[in-house]
Amino acid sequence: MKKRPTFFIKTFGCQMNRDDSSEMGRLLRGLGLRPAESDADADLVHINTCCVRQKAEDKFFSFLGVQRIRKEKHGRPIIGVGGCIPEKEDLRAGRQFVDYVVGAKHPQVYMAELAALIQSEFPGLDVPESMGPEATASAYQTVIRGCTNFCAYCVVPYVRGPEISEDPFKMRDEIAAKVEAGAREITLLGQNVLAYGYDLKPRRTLLDVIELIHDLPQLRRIRFVTSHPAWVKEEFVAGIAGMEKVCEHFHVPFQSGDDDVLERMHRGYTAAEYMEMIDMIREYYPGAGITADAIVGFPGETRANFDNTLKLIDRVRVDNIYSFKYSPRPLSESRDHDDVPDAEKKKRLAELNELEDGISRGINESLIGTDVEVMIESRSNSGGGRYYGRTRTSKLTDLACTRELRAGDTVTVRVTGATPHGIQGEVAGA
């Protein structure tokens, strides 16, 4: 029997890129390839790129260099690049070792190009009958692509284009197929997920999508990211409050706690409005898990500006903050400005993280002795009946259980310990 060629997908960046990678994997399986354990074992390596931050871009070029060396030595793998970076620069220029380049659009758009390439590289390849979704306990579903906010620091609107919402009924069918394949948790994705449906006729909202999928019998959890603060309205929060499958977790980036900086960023809200929005969420969800993003060292940020960010953090006391040093991105409005010294950025980042670590630890320690629902994601590498999972409020949980568990199982866990980054516990009654 002829051995089927293999593929490996390396993903950089956000959950939307991971969703695109999942669909690319489905397409490649449908074209007759099978997944490889690692890039070193693959006949085709597809790299899904991100250019939102310089660090992700640097990692991509480093990984691409490794694949070039492998190809020069062994004649393989076929190298393909997708995602955001091809939208801003010609990756084939001076890189003849790259076999194909696709953009940040829906992977199905490039189906014909991929099929022709694979047929030429692997003639006579048998194509499987099924192209169904891969079986994973947690799955993503992109509901809206692109962004029209044009924050001054961000390249996304330029590489992904304007907001385009997916058809709600088509998405329900896709989500139903993922659930049928084993998904028990679905995360609805968008750069600005709450903008979903405003470009459709008739106009729809994310609430409509959630209502469409809420009745899927085997679906246990529904999540959504990312929520732009200016779009978090009481009508939406009140609407999902009565839906038991919607998890009590909101990811709402504030980026800065200073009004002058927020205005220069073009964020569309003030620090006071952000705090009011967080208070509103907690009125409906008193124990909600709330996470956020913050940027330090944006052009023109003074020490006083940064102190206002620390004040906002101390006031809202969210569960976790993903914090970053500002780095200029091509095409963005602020690309030619970077006037905060790197040493000062590092100092501010460390100060912000120290403050947030204390807040996160306190929130997590307050759960010790309580019972929480956890969905299992994987078995711990340490073995010994230990597993990793996540609470409804999105807290990473390291837990022990005397019985065998599988990804997708939900268990009640008694919390016994905490760190700034997660909780530990034991399955109650196990």
Protein backbone atom coordinates (compact mmCIF):
# COMPACT_ATOMS: atom_id res chain seq x y z
CA MET A 1 0.00 0.00 0.00
CA LYS A 2 1.38 3.38 -1.01
CA LYS A 3 2.31 5.57 1.95
CA ARG A 4 0.36 8.81 2.09
CA PRO A 5 2.43 12.02 2.29
CA THR A 6 2.26 14.01 5.51
CA PHE A 7 1.71 17.61 6.52
CA PHE A 8 2.49 19.74 9.56
CA ILE A 9 0.97 23.14 10.36
CA LYS A 10 2.83 25.66 12.51
CA THR A 11 0.64 28.45 13.86
CA PHE A 12 1.72 31.83 15.18
CA GLY A 13 -0.67 34.39 16.62
CA CYS A 14 -4.28 34.49 17.71
CA GLN A 15 -7.10 31.98 18.02
CA MET A 16 -8.38 33.05 14.60
CA ASN A 17 -5.11 31.83 13.11
CA ARG A 18 -5.56 28.55 14.98
CA ASP A 19 -9.07 28.25 13.57
CA ASP A 20 -7.72 28.89 10.06
CA SER A 21 -5.02 26.28 10.70
CA SER A 22 -7.66 23.77 11.75
CA GLU A 23 -9.54 24.36 8.52
CA MET A 24 -6.32 24.15 6.50
CA GLY A 25 -5.65 20.80 8.14
CA ARG A 26 -9.10 19.61 7.13
CA LEU A 27 -8.46 20.69 3.53
CA LEU A 28 -5.08 18.95 3.41
CA ARG A 29 -6.54 15.75 4.84
CA GLY A 30 -9.28 15.99 2.24
CA LEU A 31 -6.62 16.24 -0.47
CA GLY A 32 -5.08 12.95 0.66
CA LEU A 33 -2.38 13.99 3.14
CA ARG A 34 -2.15 12.81 6.74
CA PRO A 35 -0.91 14.76 9.79
CA ALA A 36 2.72 14.39 10.87
CA GLU A 37 3.91 14.33 14.48
CA SER A 38 6.37 17.19 13.85
CA ASP A 39 7.70 19.43 11.11
CA ALA A 40 10.77 17.18 10.84
CA ASP A 41 8.54 14.29 9.72
CA ALA A 42 6.40 16.26 7.25
CA ASP A 43 6.39 16.27 3.45
CA LEU A 44 4.53 19.59 3.52
CA VAL A 45 4.88 22.33 6.15
CA HIS A 46 2.29 25.10 6.21
CA ILE A 47 3.11 28.14 8.37
CA ASN A 48 0.27 30.37 9.49
CA THR A 49 1.77 33.76 10.33
CA CYS A 50 1.03 36.75 12.53
CA CYS A 51 2.37 40.29 12.23
CA VAL A 52 0.48 41.97 15.06
CA ARG A 53 3.65 42.00 17.18
CA GLN A 54 7.29 41.96 16.19
CA LYS A 55 8.05 38.95 18.38
CA ALA A 56 5.61 36.73 16.47
CA GLU A 57 7.06 37.91 13.16
CA ASP A 58 10.62 37.18 14.33
CA LYS A 59 9.61 33.67 15.41
CA PHE A 60 8.07 33.02 12.00
CA PHE A 61 11.20 34.00 10.06
CA SER A 62 13.33 31.87 12.38
CA PHE A 63 11.07 28.84 11.80
CA LEU A 64 11.02 29.52 8.06
CA GLY A 65 14.82 29.48 8.06
CA VAL A 66 14.82 26.03 9.65
CA GLN A 67 12.50 24.73 6.91
CA ARG A 68 14.72 26.26 4.21
CA ILE A 69 17.76 24.39 5.56
CA ARG A 70 15.80 21.11 5.66
CA LYS A 71 14.65 21.62 2.09
CA GLU A 72 18.15 22.40 0.84
CA LYS A 73 19.47 19.20 2.44
CA HIS A 74 16.65 16.78 1.65
CA GLY A 75 14.53 18.32 -1.13
CA ARG A 76 11.55 18.45 1.23
CA PRO A 77 9.34 19.74 2.70
CA ILE A 78 7.02 21.63 0.45
CA ILE A 79 6.83 25.01 2.20
CA GLY A 80 3.66 27.09 2.30
CA VAL A 81 2.99 30.35 4.11
CA GLY A 82 -0.39 31.81 5.06
CA GLY A 83 -1.89 34.36 7.43
CA CYS A 84 -1.19 38.04 7.92
CA ILE A 85 2.45 38.50 6.84
CA PRO A 86 1.75 37.66 3.15
CA GLU A 87 -0.82 40.46 3.18
CA LYS A 88 1.83 43.10 3.86
CA GLU A 89 4.88 41.86 1.93
CA ASP A 90 5.89 39.60 -0.95
CA LEU A 91 7.31 36.55 0.78
CA ARG A 92 8.37 34.91 -2.46
CA ALA A 93 10.71 37.74 -3.39
CA GLY A 94 14.18 36.30 -2.90
CA ARG A 95 12.77 33.13 -1.35
CA GLN A 96 12.41 30.62 -4.16
CA PHE A 97 12.25 27.82 -1.58
CA VAL A 98 8.71 28.93 -0.63
CA ASP A 99 6.35 26.86 -2.78
CA TYR A 100 3.08 28.68 -2.21
CA VAL A 101 1.74 31.73 -0.40
CA VAL A 102 -1.86 32.30 0.67
CA GLY A 103 -3.31 35.27 2.50
CA ALA A 104 -5.40 35.77 5.61
CA LYS A 105 -8.68 34.98 3.87
CA HIS A 106 -10.82 31.91 4.48
CA PRO A 107 -8.61 28.87 3.61
CA GLN A 108 -11.31 27.51 1.27
CA VAL A 109 -10.53 30.41 -1.09
CA TYR A 110 -7.19 28.74 -1.90
CA MET A 111 -8.54 25.21 -2.34
CA ALA A 112 -8.00 25.04 -6.11
CA GLU A 113 -4.39 26.31 -5.83
CA LEU A 114 -3.58 23.80 -3.10
CA ALA A 115 -5.21 20.93 -4.98
CA ALA A 116 -3.22 21.66 -8.15
CA LEU A 117 0.07 21.88 -6.22
CA ILE A 118 -0.51 18.64 -4.31
CA GLN A 119 -1.59 16.76 -7.42
CA SER A 120 1.59 17.85 -9.21
CA GLU A 121 3.86 16.99 -6.25
CA PHE A 122 2.15 13.69 -5.36
CA PRO A 123 0.64 12.27 -8.57
CA GLY A 124 -1.85 9.44 -8.15
CA LEU A 125 -2.61 10.36 -4.55
CA ASP A 126 -5.83 8.78 -3.28
CA VAL A 127 -8.30 11.31 -1.89
CA PRO A 128 -10.27 10.17 1.19
CA GLU A 129 -14.06 10.27 0.98
CA SER A 130 -14.50 12.27 4.19
CA MET A 131 -13.36 15.84 4.82
CA GLY A 132 -15.08 16.23 8.18
CA PRO A 133 -13.73 18.31 11.06
CA GLU A 134 -11.03 16.93 13.33
CA ALA A 135 -12.24 15.59 16.67
CA THR A 136 -11.18 18.04 19.40
CA ALA A 137 -12.92 18.69 22.71
CA SER A 138 -12.56 22.47 22.31
CA ALA A 139 -12.99 24.01 18.87
CA TYR A 140 -12.95 27.49 17.35
CA GLN A 141 -15.41 29.09 14.97
CA THR A 142 -14.54 32.37 13.26
CA VAL A 143 -17.71 34.43 13.00
CA ILE A 144 -16.33 37.72 11.66
CA ARG A 145 -13.11 38.52 9.83
CA GLY A 146 -11.28 41.82 9.57
CA CYS A 147 -11.51 45.01 11.59
CA THR A 148 -12.54 48.60 10.97
CA ASN A 149 -11.46 50.17 14.28
CA PHE A 150 -8.03 51.34 12.99
CA CYS A 151 -6.37 51.59 16.39
CA ALA A 152 -3.21 53.62 15.87
CA TYR A 153 -0.84 50.80 16.87
CA CYS A 154 -2.51 47.96 14.97
CA VAL A 155 -1.84 46.45 11.54
CA VAL A 156 -4.89 44.13 11.50
CA PRO A 157 -7.26 46.37 9.47
CA TYR A 158 -4.61 46.66 6.76
CA VAL A 159 -3.76 42.96 6.49
CA ARG A 160 -7.19 41.42 7.18
CA GLY A 161 -9.36 44.11 5.64
CA PRO A 162 -12.77 45.40 6.75
CA GLU A 163 -15.19 43.44 8.91
CA ILE A 164 -17.02 40.68 7.04
CA SER A 165 -19.50 38.52 8.96
CA GLU A 166 -20.06 34.86 8.17
CA ASP A 167 -23.54 33.54 7.36
CA PRO A 168 -25.16 32.49 10.68
CA PHE A 169 -26.93 29.39 9.36
CA LYS A 170 -23.82 28.14 7.55
CA MET A 171 -21.88 28.59 10.80
CA ARG A 172 -24.50 26.65 12.74
CA ASP A 173 -24.04 23.73 10.36
CA GLU A 174 -20.24 23.94 10.72
CA ILE A 175 -20.46 24.10 14.52
CA ALA A 176 -22.94 21.20 14.57
CA ALA A 177 -20.42 19.14 12.57
CA LYS A 178 -17.65 20.00 15.03
CA VAL A 179 -19.86 19.02 17.95
CA GLU A 180 -20.80 15.78 16.20
CA ALA A 181 -17.06 15.09 15.79
CA GLY A 182 -16.50 15.48 19.53
CA ALA A 183 -16.25 19.20 20.36
CA ARG A 184 -17.93 20.03 23.65
CA GLU A 185 -16.83 23.66 23.79
CA ILE A 186 -16.99 26.23 20.99
CA THR A 187 -15.21 29.59 21.04
CA LEU A 188 -16.67 32.19 18.67
CA LEU A 189 -13.89 34.35 17.24
CA GLY A 190 -13.42 37.79 15.78
CA GLN A 191 -10.94 40.63 16.01
CA ASN A 192 -14.00 42.52 17.24
CA VAL A 193 -16.43 39.68 17.83
CA LEU A 194 -19.28 41.90 19.07
CA ALA A 195 -19.34 43.71 15.70
CA TYR A 196 -20.74 40.51 14.21
CA GLY A 197 -23.69 40.94 11.90
CA TYR A 198 -23.72 44.71 11.46
CA ASP A 199 -22.69 44.26 7.82
CA LEU A 200 -25.39 41.64 7.11
CA LYS A 201 -28.85 42.15 5.65
CA PRO A 202 -30.97 41.66 7.63
CA ARG A 203 -28.71 42.91 10.40
CA ARG A 204 -27.82 40.35 13.04
CA THR A 205 -25.82 40.26 16.27
CA LEU A 206 -23.56 37.81 18.08
CA LEU A 207 -26.52 37.09 20.33
CA ASP A 208 -28.33 35.67 17.31
CA VAL A 209 -25.46 33.25 16.64
CA ILE A 210 -25.36 32.12 20.26
CA GLU A 211 -29.11 31.52 20.23
CA LEU A 212 -28.76 29.46 17.04
CA ILE A 213 -26.22 27.06 18.54
CA HIS A 214 -27.31 27.01 22.18
CA ASP A 215 -29.71 24.11 21.62
CA LEU A 216 -27.10 21.71 20.16
CA PRO A 217 -27.53 18.77 22.56
CA GLN A 218 -23.89 17.70 23.00
CA LEU A 219 -22.50 21.24 23.20
CA ARG A 220 -21.71 22.14 26.81
CA ARG A 221 -19.88 25.46 26.65
CA ILE A 222 -19.88 28.58 24.47
CA ARG A 223 -17.15 31.26 24.63
CA PHE A 224 -16.43 34.38 22.56
CA VAL A 225 -13.37 36.62 22.02
CA THR A 226 -12.29 39.36 21.60
CA SER A 227 -14.72 42.02 22.88
CA HIS A 228 -13.84 45.63 22.12
CA PRO A 229 -14.89 47.73 25.16
CA ALA A 230 -16.86 50.21 23.04
CA TRP A 231 -19.06 47.34 21.81
CA VAL A 232 -19.86 45.72 25.17
CA LYS A 233 -23.47 46.81 25.68
CA GLU A 234 -25.89 45.92 28.44
CA GLU A 235 -28.37 44.50 25.93
CA PHE A 236 -25.86 41.81 24.94
CA VAL A 237 -24.69 41.01 28.48
CA ALA A 238 -28.30 40.77 29.71
CA GLY A 239 -29.14 38.59 26.70
CA ILE A 240 -26.52 35.94 27.44
CA ALA A 241 -27.03 36.04 31.21
CA GLY A 242 -29.89 33.56 30.95
CA MET A 243 -28.05 31.12 28.67
CA GLU A 244 -26.51 28.36 30.78
CA LYS A 245 -24.01 27.21 28.15
CA VAL A 246 -22.37 30.64 27.79
CA CYS A 247 -19.27 30.74 30.00
CA GLU A 248 -18.80 33.50 32.53
CA HIS A 249 -15.67 34.88 30.92
CA PHE A 250 -15.09 38.19 29.14
CA HIS A 251 -11.84 39.18 27.42
CA VAL A 252 -11.99 42.97 27.13
CA PRO A 253 -8.66 44.72 26.36
CA PHE A 254 -8.24 48.20 27.85
CA GLN A 255 -4.69 48.82 26.44
CA SER A 256 -4.19 51.94 28.59
CA GLY A 257 -5.78 53.55 31.62
CA ASP A 258 -5.00 57.10 30.52
CA ASP A 259 -7.53 59.10 28.51
CA ASP A 260 -4.94 61.02 26.49
CA VAL A 261 -3.22 57.80 25.45
CA LEU A 262 -6.55 56.12 24.69
CA GLU A 263 -7.48 59.04 22.45
CA ARG A 264 -4.17 58.86 20.57
CA MET A 265 -4.70 55.10 20.22
CA HIS A 266 -8.18 55.76 18.73
CA ARG A 267 -9.77 53.34 21.16
CA GLY A 268 -13.14 55.09 21.35
CA TYR A 269 -13.71 55.06 25.12
CA THR A 270 -12.34 56.64 28.29
CA ALA A 271 -10.91 54.96 31.37
CA ALA A 272 -14.08 55.84 33.29
CA GLU A 273 -16.26 54.26 30.60
CA TYR A 274 -14.15 51.11 30.71
CA MET A 275 -14.58 50.87 34.48
CA GLU A 276 -18.33 51.39 34.18
CA MET A 277 -18.49 48.60 31.60
CA ILE A 278 -16.64 46.20 33.93
CA ASP A 279 -19.02 47.11 36.75
CA MET A 280 -21.98 46.38 34.47
CA ILE A 281 -20.62 42.93 33.58
CA ARG A 282 -20.17 42.12 37.26
CA GLU A 283 -23.74 43.15 38.02
CA TYR A 284 -24.94 40.35 35.74
CA TYR A 285 -22.04 37.97 36.48
CA PRO A 286 -20.75 38.62 40.03
CA GLY A 287 -18.07 35.92 39.74
CA ALA A 288 -17.16 36.47 36.10
CA GLY A 289 -13.65 35.82 34.92
CA ILE A 290 -12.41 38.99 33.20
CA THR A 291 -9.14 39.22 31.28
CA ALA A 292 -7.62 42.12 29.37
CA ASP A 293 -4.70 43.36 27.25
CA ALA A 294 -2.41 46.28 28.00
CA ILE A 295 0.32 48.05 26.03
CA VAL A 296 3.14 49.91 27.80
CA GLY A 297 5.33 52.51 26.15
CA PHE A 298 2.94 53.70 23.47
CA PRO A 299 4.41 56.80 21.76
CA GLY A 300 4.16 59.81 24.03
CA GLU A 301 3.29 57.79 27.15
CA THR A 302 4.64 59.69 30.16
CA ARG A 303 5.16 58.35 33.65
CA ALA A 304 1.93 60.08 34.68
CA ASN A 305 0.08 58.38 31.81
CA PHE A 306 1.43 55.01 32.92
CA ASP A 307 0.48 55.68 36.53
CA ASN A 308 -3.12 56.07 35.35
CA THR A 309 -2.91 52.60 33.82
CA LEU A 310 -1.77 51.21 37.18
CA LYS A 311 -4.68 53.00 38.86
CA LEU A 312 -7.15 51.44 36.42
CA ILE A 313 -5.69 47.99 37.03
CA ASP A 314 -5.97 48.43 40.79
CA ARG A 315 -9.57 49.64 40.35
CA VAL A 316 -10.96 46.96 38.01
CA ARG A 317 -8.89 44.05 39.43
CA VAL A 318 -9.33 41.68 36.51
CA ASP A 319 -8.27 38.03 36.63
CA ASN A 320 -5.37 38.31 34.20
CA ILE A 321 -3.73 40.82 31.88
CA TYR A 322 -1.79 40.01 28.72
CA SER A 323 0.73 42.84 28.67
CA PHE A 324 3.11 43.90 25.92
CA LYS A 325 5.75 46.48 25.16
CA TYR A 326 4.78 48.75 22.28
CA SER A 327 6.56 47.96 19.02
CA PRO A 328 5.96 49.86 15.75
CA ARG A 329 4.13 47.81 13.14
CA PRO A 330 4.27 48.42 9.38
CA LEU A 331 1.24 50.21 7.90
CA SER A 332 -0.11 51.29 11.29
CA GLU A 333 -0.59 54.99 12.04
CA SER A 334 1.98 55.05 14.84
CA ARG A 335 4.63 53.08 12.91
CA ASP A 336 7.06 56.02 12.67
CA HIS A 337 6.90 56.87 16.36
CA ASP A 338 8.65 55.05 19.18
CA ASP A 339 9.88 57.63 21.68
CA VAL A 340 9.77 55.69 24.96
CA PRO A 341 13.20 54.11 25.60
CA ASP A 342 13.20 50.32 25.63
CA ALA A 343 14.69 50.23 29.13
CA GLU A 344 11.77 52.32 30.37
CA LYS A 345 9.28 50.03 28.59
CA LYS A 346 10.82 47.00 30.32
CA LYS A 347 10.65 48.76 33.69
CA ARG A 348 7.00 49.68 33.23
CA LEU A 349 6.10 46.22 31.97
CA ALA A 350 7.69 44.62 35.03
CA GLU A 351 5.87 47.04 37.34
CA LEU A 352 2.54 46.35 35.67
CA ASN A 353 3.06 42.58 35.82
CA GLU A 354 4.05 42.70 39.49
CA LEU A 355 0.84 44.58 40.34
CA GLU A 356 -1.33 42.24 38.29
CA ASP A 357 0.34 39.09 39.64
CA GLY A 358 -0.64 40.14 43.15
CA ILE A 359 -4.23 40.78 42.07
CA SER A 360 -4.43 37.50 40.13
CA ARG A 361 -3.00 35.51 43.02
CA GLY A 362 -5.52 37.06 45.44
CA ILE A 363 -8.47 36.27 43.15
CA ASN A 364 -7.32 32.69 42.65
CA GLU A 365 -6.57 32.13 46.36
CA SER A 366 -10.11 33.26 47.19
CA LEU A 367 -11.32 30.10 45.43
CA ILE A 368 -9.45 27.72 47.75
CA GLY A 369 -11.95 25.46 49.48
CA THR A 370 -14.68 26.04 46.87
CA ASP A 371 -15.94 23.70 44.15
CA VAL A 372 -15.62 24.70 40.47
CA GLU A 373 -16.66 23.04 37.23
CA VAL A 374 -13.69 22.11 35.04
CA MET A 375 -13.62 20.79 31.48
CA ILE A 376 -10.68 18.46 30.87
CA GLU A 377 -8.29 19.56 28.10
CA SER A 378 -5.39 17.11 28.41
CA ARG A 379 -3.51 14.69 30.61
CA SER A 380 -0.57 16.15 32.51
CA ASN A 381 2.88 15.06 31.34
CA SER A 382 3.71 14.32 34.97
CA GLY A 383 1.24 11.43 34.93
CA GLY A 384 0.00 10.05 38.23
CA GLY A 385 -3.65 10.74 37.53
CA ARG A 386 -3.13 14.47 36.90
CA TYR A 387 -4.92 16.46 34.24
CA TYR A 388 -5.21 19.98 32.90
CA GLY A 389 -8.53 21.69 32.38
CA ARG A 390 -10.27 25.03 32.44
CA THR A 391 -13.07 26.46 34.54
CA ARG A 392 -16.07 28.24 33.06
CA THR A 393 -14.33 31.49 34.03
CA SER A 394 -11.28 30.34 31.97
CA LYS A 395 -8.91 29.56 34.84
CA LEU A 396 -6.27 26.98 33.96
CA THR A 397 -6.63 24.11 36.43
CA ASP A 398 -4.11 21.43 37.40
CA LEU A 399 -6.12 18.64 38.99
CA ALA A 400 -5.84 15.13 40.34
CA CYS A 401 -8.36 12.35 39.76
CA THR A 402 -8.25 8.66 40.64
CA ARG A 403 -10.41 7.65 37.69
CA GLU A 404 -9.66 7.89 33.97
CA LEU A 405 -10.72 11.15 32.34
CA ARG A 406 -10.89 12.19 28.69
CA ALA A 407 -10.70 15.55 26.95
CA GLY A 408 -14.17 17.07 26.98
CA ASP A 409 -15.25 15.52 30.29
CA THR A 410 -16.58 17.97 32.88
CA VAL A 411 -15.85 17.36 36.55
CA THR A 412 -16.39 19.16 39.83
CA VAL A 413 -13.06 20.14 41.38
CA ARG A 414 -12.37 21.17 44.98
CA VAL A 415 -9.75 23.94 44.80
CA THR A 416 -6.74 23.27 47.05
CA GLY A 417 -4.10 25.71 45.81
CA ALA A 418 -3.51 28.76 43.64
CA THR A 419 -0.86 30.75 41.79
CA PRO A 420 -1.21 34.00 39.81
CA HIS A 421 -1.67 31.92 36.66
CA GLY A 422 -4.08 29.18 37.71
CA ILE A 423 -5.50 26.92 40.37
CA GLN A 424 -4.91 23.36 41.61
CA GLY A 425 -7.40 20.89 42.97
CA GLU A 426 -8.84 17.42 43.25
CA VAL A 427 -11.95 15.97 41.67
CA ALA A 428 -14.61 16.05 44.36
CA GLY A 429 -15.61 12.57 45.50
CA ALA A 430 -12.97 10.81 43.37
